[in-house]
N, C-alpha and C. Protein backbone atom coordinates (compact mmCIF):
# COMPACT_ATOMS: atom_id res chain seq x y z
N MET A 1 8.24 -0.12 6.75
CA MET A 1 9.46 -0.36 7.74
C MET A 1 10.63 -0.05 6.56
N GLN A 2 11.66 0.50 7.00
CA GLN A 2 12.76 0.86 6.20
C GLN A 2 13.88 -0.10 6.68
N LYS A 3 14.76 -0.54 5.81
CA LYS A 3 15.97 -1.26 6.00
C LYS A 3 16.72 -0.79 6.98
N GLY A 4 17.13 0.36 7.06
CA GLY A 4 17.99 0.81 7.98
C GLY A 4 17.54 0.46 9.25
N ASN A 5 16.28 0.99 9.74
CA ASN A 5 15.63 0.57 10.95
C ASN A 5 15.60 -0.82 11.45
N TYR A 6 15.45 -1.81 10.27
CA TYR A 6 15.34 -3.17 10.63
C TYR A 6 16.75 -3.42 11.06
N TYR A 7 17.93 -3.16 10.37
CA TYR A 7 19.32 -3.49 10.55
C TYR A 7 19.68 -2.93 11.81
N ASP A 8 19.45 -1.83 12.34
CA ASP A 8 19.80 -1.21 13.45
C ASP A 8 19.15 -2.03 14.69
N ALA A 9 17.79 -2.44 14.42
CA ALA A 9 17.16 -3.13 15.45
C ALA A 9 17.80 -4.43 15.64
N LEU A 10 18.12 -5.10 14.76
CA LEU A 10 18.72 -6.39 14.56
C LEU A 10 20.06 -6.35 15.40
N LYS A 11 20.72 -5.32 15.07
CA LYS A 11 22.21 -5.31 15.76
C LYS A 11 21.96 -5.11 17.10
N GLN A 12 20.95 -4.23 17.42
CA GLN A 12 20.75 -3.75 19.17
C GLN A 12 20.35 -5.01 19.54
N SER A 13 19.79 -5.85 18.97
CA SER A 13 19.33 -7.27 19.69
C SER A 13 20.21 -8.19 19.78
N SER A 14 21.17 -8.09 18.92
CA SER A 14 22.18 -8.96 18.99
C SER A 14 23.45 -8.47 19.85
N ASP A 15 23.55 -7.39 20.21
CA ASP A 15 24.72 -6.83 21.27
C ASP A 15 24.50 -7.57 22.39
N GLY A 16 25.90 -8.32 22.63
CA GLY A 16 25.80 -8.96 23.86
C GLY A 16 25.25 -10.47 23.98
N TRP A 17 25.15 -10.83 22.66
CA TRP A 17 24.68 -12.31 22.54
C TRP A 17 25.48 -13.33 22.96
N HIS A 18 26.89 -13.20 22.60
CA HIS A 18 27.84 -14.13 23.17
C HIS A 18 28.03 -14.16 24.64
N GLU A 19 27.52 -13.15 25.41
CA GLU A 19 27.60 -13.35 26.75
C GLU A 19 26.45 -13.51 27.33
N ASN A 20 25.41 -13.90 26.40
CA ASN A 20 23.90 -14.32 26.87
C ASN A 20 23.23 -12.96 27.59
N GLN A 21 23.67 -11.76 26.97
CA GLN A 21 23.03 -10.49 27.68
C GLN A 21 22.26 -9.76 26.76
N ASN A 22 22.02 -10.40 25.67
CA ASN A 22 21.27 -9.62 24.64
C ASN A 22 19.86 -9.44 24.99
N ASP A 23 19.24 -8.36 24.46
CA ASP A 23 17.88 -7.87 24.70
C ASP A 23 17.15 -7.82 23.35
N TYR A 24 16.29 -8.50 23.12
CA TYR A 24 15.29 -8.53 21.90
C TYR A 24 14.33 -7.51 21.74
N SER A 25 14.21 -6.68 22.57
CA SER A 25 13.22 -5.70 22.92
C SER A 25 13.22 -4.75 21.36
N ALA A 26 14.23 -4.23 21.19
CA ALA A 26 14.34 -3.30 19.88
C ALA A 26 13.84 -4.12 18.78
N PHE A 27 14.17 -5.27 18.29
CA PHE A 27 13.86 -6.17 17.29
C PHE A 27 12.22 -6.27 17.33
N ILE A 28 11.87 -6.70 18.65
CA ILE A 28 10.32 -7.01 18.67
C ILE A 28 9.51 -5.63 18.34
N MET A 29 10.01 -4.34 18.88
CA MET A 29 9.37 -3.25 18.64
C MET A 29 9.34 -3.08 17.08
N GLU A 30 10.43 -3.19 16.30
CA GLU A 30 10.34 -2.74 15.13
C GLU A 30 9.74 -3.75 14.33
N PHE A 31 9.60 -5.21 14.60
CA PHE A 31 8.54 -6.20 14.20
C PHE A 31 7.18 -5.53 14.12
N LEU A 32 6.86 -5.25 15.50
CA LEU A 32 5.24 -4.71 15.74
C LEU A 32 5.05 -3.67 15.23
N THR A 33 6.01 -2.52 14.98
CA THR A 33 5.55 -1.21 13.97
C THR A 33 5.23 -2.01 12.65
N THR A 34 5.98 -2.71 12.22
CA THR A 34 5.89 -3.31 10.93
C THR A 34 4.45 -3.86 10.66
N VAL A 35 4.11 -4.81 11.69
CA VAL A 35 2.77 -5.61 11.79
C VAL A 35 1.83 -4.33 11.64
N TYR A 36 1.90 -3.39 12.63
CA TYR A 36 1.12 -2.34 12.89
C TYR A 36 0.70 -1.65 11.66
N MET A 37 1.72 -1.01 10.87
CA MET A 37 1.89 -0.53 9.49
C MET A 37 1.11 -1.20 8.46
N CYS A 38 1.28 -2.58 8.63
CA CYS A 38 0.68 -3.56 7.44
C CYS A 38 -1.02 -3.49 7.55
N TYR A 39 -1.26 -3.71 8.91
CA TYR A 39 -2.60 -3.74 9.29
C TYR A 39 -3.21 -2.27 8.95
N LYS A 40 -2.62 -1.29 9.29
CA LYS A 40 -3.19 0.07 9.05
C LYS A 40 -3.24 0.14 7.47
N GLU A 41 -2.46 -0.28 6.65
CA GLU A 41 -2.59 -0.32 5.13
C GLU A 41 -3.74 -1.03 4.73
N LEU A 42 -3.74 -2.21 5.21
CA LEU A 42 -4.96 -3.30 4.94
C LEU A 42 -6.33 -2.60 5.36
N ASP A 43 -6.34 -1.93 6.61
CA ASP A 43 -7.33 -1.20 7.02
C ASP A 43 -8.01 -0.23 5.90
N LYS A 44 -6.95 0.45 5.49
CA LYS A 44 -7.29 1.73 4.70
C LYS A 44 -7.93 1.11 3.27
N ARG A 45 -7.59 -0.23 2.84
CA ARG A 45 -7.99 -0.70 1.57
C ARG A 45 -9.30 -1.37 1.77
N PHE A 46 -9.66 -1.82 2.79
CA PHE A 46 -10.89 -2.44 2.92
C PHE A 46 -11.82 -1.36 3.83
N ALA A 47 -11.66 -0.17 3.77
CA ALA A 47 -12.73 0.79 4.24
C ALA A 47 -13.94 0.53 4.14
N VAL A 48 -14.53 0.54 5.37
CA VAL A 48 -15.92 0.58 5.30
C VAL A 48 -16.66 1.92 5.85
N VAL A 49 -17.75 2.46 5.12
CA VAL A 49 -18.17 3.71 5.59
C VAL A 49 -19.55 3.45 6.36
N GLY A 50 -19.65 3.69 7.64
CA GLY A 50 -20.89 3.08 8.33
C GLY A 50 -20.97 1.68 8.37
N SER A 51 -22.09 1.15 8.08
CA SER A 51 -22.39 -0.40 7.96
C SER A 51 -22.32 -0.68 6.52
N ARG A 52 -22.27 0.39 5.79
CA ARG A 52 -22.31 -0.29 4.17
C ARG A 52 -20.85 -0.41 3.60
N LYS A 53 -20.65 -1.24 2.39
CA LYS A 53 -19.40 -1.26 1.75
C LYS A 53 -19.44 -0.27 0.86
N VAL A 54 -18.02 0.34 0.77
CA VAL A 54 -17.57 1.31 -0.16
C VAL A 54 -17.71 0.95 -1.71
N THR A 55 -17.99 1.38 -2.63
CA THR A 55 -18.35 0.94 -3.84
C THR A 55 -17.30 0.84 -4.56
N LYS A 56 -17.31 0.01 -5.45
CA LYS A 56 -15.99 -0.53 -6.33
C LYS A 56 -15.41 0.69 -6.79
N GLN A 57 -16.27 1.60 -7.29
CA GLN A 57 -15.56 2.76 -8.10
C GLN A 57 -14.68 3.57 -6.91
N ALA A 58 -15.14 3.61 -5.92
CA ALA A 58 -14.63 4.35 -4.67
C ALA A 58 -13.21 3.58 -4.29
N ARG A 59 -13.35 2.43 -4.37
CA ARG A 59 -12.19 1.61 -4.00
C ARG A 59 -11.24 1.53 -4.99
N VAL A 60 -11.48 1.86 -6.06
CA VAL A 60 -10.57 1.91 -7.16
C VAL A 60 -9.87 3.28 -7.35
N GLU A 61 -10.71 4.36 -6.93
CA GLU A 61 -10.23 5.94 -6.77
C GLU A 61 -9.13 5.70 -5.69
N ALA A 62 -9.66 5.33 -4.52
CA ALA A 62 -8.73 5.34 -3.22
C ALA A 62 -7.41 4.75 -3.67
N THR A 63 -7.61 3.57 -4.08
CA THR A 63 -6.20 2.87 -4.45
C THR A 63 -5.24 3.80 -5.33
N VAL A 64 -5.63 4.42 -6.24
CA VAL A 64 -4.74 5.32 -7.07
C VAL A 64 -4.53 6.37 -6.44
N LEU A 65 -5.71 7.14 -5.56
CA LEU A 65 -4.95 8.26 -5.09
C LEU A 65 -4.10 8.46 -3.70
N ASN A 66 -4.19 7.10 -3.17
CA ASN A 66 -3.46 6.96 -1.97
C ASN A 66 -2.20 6.24 -2.08
N SER A 67 -1.79 6.13 -3.57
CA SER A 67 -0.64 5.36 -3.88
C SER A 67 0.40 6.67 -4.09
N LEU A 68 1.74 6.31 -3.45
CA LEU A 68 2.72 7.19 -3.47
C LEU A 68 3.25 7.21 -4.96
N THR A 69 3.25 6.08 -5.51
CA THR A 69 4.02 6.00 -6.74
C THR A 69 3.10 5.72 -7.92
N PRO A 70 3.33 5.87 -9.23
CA PRO A 70 2.38 5.61 -10.32
C PRO A 70 1.99 4.04 -10.09
N VAL A 71 0.61 3.81 -10.40
CA VAL A 71 0.00 2.76 -10.29
C VAL A 71 -0.45 2.09 -11.80
N SER A 72 -0.28 1.01 -12.12
CA SER A 72 -0.73 0.54 -13.50
C SER A 72 -2.38 -0.04 -13.09
N LYS A 73 -2.89 -0.46 -14.30
CA LYS A 73 -4.07 -1.27 -14.14
C LYS A 73 -3.92 -2.50 -13.65
N ALA A 74 -3.04 -3.25 -14.13
CA ALA A 74 -2.38 -4.60 -13.56
C ALA A 74 -2.32 -4.49 -12.13
N ASP A 75 -1.73 -3.64 -11.51
CA ASP A 75 -1.33 -3.36 -10.11
C ASP A 75 -2.59 -3.25 -9.02
N ILE A 76 -3.49 -2.26 -9.76
CA ILE A 76 -5.06 -2.10 -9.23
C ILE A 76 -5.67 -3.49 -9.23
N LEU A 77 -5.77 -4.28 -10.15
CA LEU A 77 -6.47 -5.68 -10.39
C LEU A 77 -5.67 -6.79 -9.41
N LYS A 78 -4.44 -6.59 -9.12
CA LYS A 78 -3.74 -7.39 -7.97
C LYS A 78 -4.13 -6.78 -6.76
N ILE A 79 -4.47 -5.50 -6.48
CA ILE A 79 -4.84 -5.19 -5.09
C ILE A 79 -6.29 -5.44 -4.85
N LEU A 80 -6.96 -5.21 -5.85
CA LEU A 80 -8.67 -5.41 -5.87
C LEU A 80 -9.12 -6.61 -6.71
N PRO A 81 -8.71 -7.77 -6.49
CA PRO A 81 -9.00 -8.91 -7.40
C PRO A 81 -10.49 -9.15 -7.47
N ASP A 82 -11.27 -8.59 -6.74
CA ASP A 82 -12.76 -8.96 -6.76
C ASP A 82 -13.42 -7.88 -7.90
N ILE A 83 -12.62 -6.79 -8.27
CA ILE A 83 -13.02 -5.80 -9.34
C ILE A 83 -12.79 -6.15 -10.74
N SER A 84 -13.66 -6.04 -11.63
CA SER A 84 -13.21 -6.26 -13.10
C SER A 84 -12.34 -5.46 -13.77
N ALA A 85 -11.62 -5.92 -14.89
CA ALA A 85 -10.76 -4.89 -15.32
C ALA A 85 -11.71 -3.73 -16.10
N THR A 86 -12.58 -4.28 -16.67
CA THR A 86 -13.55 -3.28 -17.23
C THR A 86 -14.03 -2.28 -16.45
N THR A 87 -14.40 -2.57 -15.28
CA THR A 87 -14.88 -1.56 -14.12
C THR A 87 -13.33 -0.67 -13.83
N VAL A 88 -12.23 -1.11 -13.62
CA VAL A 88 -11.02 -0.45 -13.45
C VAL A 88 -10.84 0.53 -14.56
N GLU A 89 -10.83 -0.23 -15.74
CA GLU A 89 -10.84 0.83 -16.99
C GLU A 89 -11.74 2.05 -16.83
N ALA A 90 -12.79 1.54 -16.63
CA ALA A 90 -13.87 2.96 -16.79
C ALA A 90 -13.66 3.95 -15.57
N VAL A 91 -13.13 3.36 -14.41
CA VAL A 91 -13.02 4.35 -13.51
C VAL A 91 -11.70 5.22 -13.64
N LEU A 92 -10.90 4.71 -14.32
CA LEU A 92 -9.39 5.31 -14.42
C LEU A 92 -9.75 6.34 -15.67
N GLY A 93 -10.55 5.95 -16.67
CA GLY A 93 -10.47 6.86 -17.60
C GLY A 93 -11.61 8.09 -17.29
N GLN A 94 -12.43 8.04 -16.32
CA GLN A 94 -13.29 9.03 -15.78
C GLN A 94 -12.40 9.82 -14.60
N MET A 95 -11.55 9.21 -14.22
CA MET A 95 -10.50 10.12 -13.34
C MET A 95 -9.47 10.90 -13.97
N VAL A 96 -9.07 10.43 -15.36
CA VAL A 96 -8.13 11.21 -16.02
C VAL A 96 -8.88 12.13 -16.64
N ARG A 97 -10.36 12.08 -17.18
CA ARG A 97 -11.13 13.12 -17.76
C ARG A 97 -11.42 14.19 -16.96
N ASP A 98 -11.70 13.65 -15.60
CA ASP A 98 -11.99 14.89 -14.53
C ASP A 98 -10.81 15.52 -13.94
N GLY A 99 -9.50 14.98 -14.11
CA GLY A 99 -8.31 15.70 -14.01
C GLY A 99 -7.76 15.25 -12.56
N SER A 100 -8.55 14.06 -11.77
CA SER A 100 -7.74 13.89 -10.56
C SER A 100 -6.82 13.03 -10.82
N VAL A 101 -6.47 12.41 -11.88
CA VAL A 101 -5.15 11.66 -11.82
C VAL A 101 -4.62 11.99 -13.33
N ARG A 102 -3.40 11.70 -13.68
CA ARG A 102 -2.92 11.77 -15.09
C ARG A 102 -2.23 10.70 -15.38
N LYS A 103 -2.15 10.11 -16.57
CA LYS A 103 -1.78 9.08 -17.27
C LYS A 103 -0.60 9.35 -17.48
N ILE A 104 0.54 8.34 -17.49
CA ILE A 104 2.04 8.35 -17.69
C ILE A 104 2.26 7.13 -18.52
N GLY A 105 2.75 7.37 -19.51
CA GLY A 105 3.22 6.24 -20.63
C GLY A 105 1.90 5.77 -21.49
N SER A 106 2.19 4.58 -22.12
CA SER A 106 1.19 4.09 -23.07
C SER A 106 1.27 2.54 -23.13
N GLY A 107 0.24 1.87 -23.54
CA GLY A 107 0.19 0.39 -23.72
C GLY A 107 0.21 -0.17 -22.23
N ARG A 108 0.95 -1.30 -22.16
CA ARG A 108 1.25 -2.06 -20.97
C ARG A 108 1.77 -1.25 -20.00
N GLY A 109 2.75 -0.19 -20.37
CA GLY A 109 3.72 0.57 -19.70
C GLY A 109 2.70 1.68 -18.92
N THR A 110 1.36 1.90 -19.20
CA THR A 110 0.76 2.88 -18.66
C THR A 110 0.66 3.20 -16.95
N ARG A 111 0.68 4.06 -16.56
CA ARG A 111 0.57 4.22 -14.93
C ARG A 111 -0.19 5.51 -14.86
N TYR A 112 -0.81 5.44 -13.80
CA TYR A 112 -1.67 6.69 -13.29
C TYR A 112 -1.09 6.90 -11.95
N ILE A 113 -1.07 8.36 -11.54
CA ILE A 113 -0.94 9.14 -10.45
C ILE A 113 -1.53 10.37 -10.17
N LYS A 114 -1.77 10.37 -8.86
CA LYS A 114 -2.42 11.78 -8.76
C LYS A 114 -1.98 13.09 -8.97
N ASN A 115 -2.79 13.70 -9.53
CA ASN A 115 -2.31 15.34 -9.94
C ASN A 115 -2.05 16.07 -8.50
């Protein structure tokens, strides 16, 4: 959801409010679109292949590769709390070595982005 869309929908829903002639449908559609996009993202993060779960390595890889902005190890650990820091470090190291991601910065400021 973009702020502009939200405020446009809010304004449209408020037009005619003083006369009791406003229509909430624009705001409701914006709200439902936002909820839909959230569920779509959640579904992507909890992807299941067939009837078996995706491996932890694949989940870390997908998190980094699907991110539109550089992501830190701490970000990944927040998104995937069931995966250990050691596993995340190992997967990130392998991804850097095979060239699928590049490392930006160092120390606590290190981020990873898709090549």
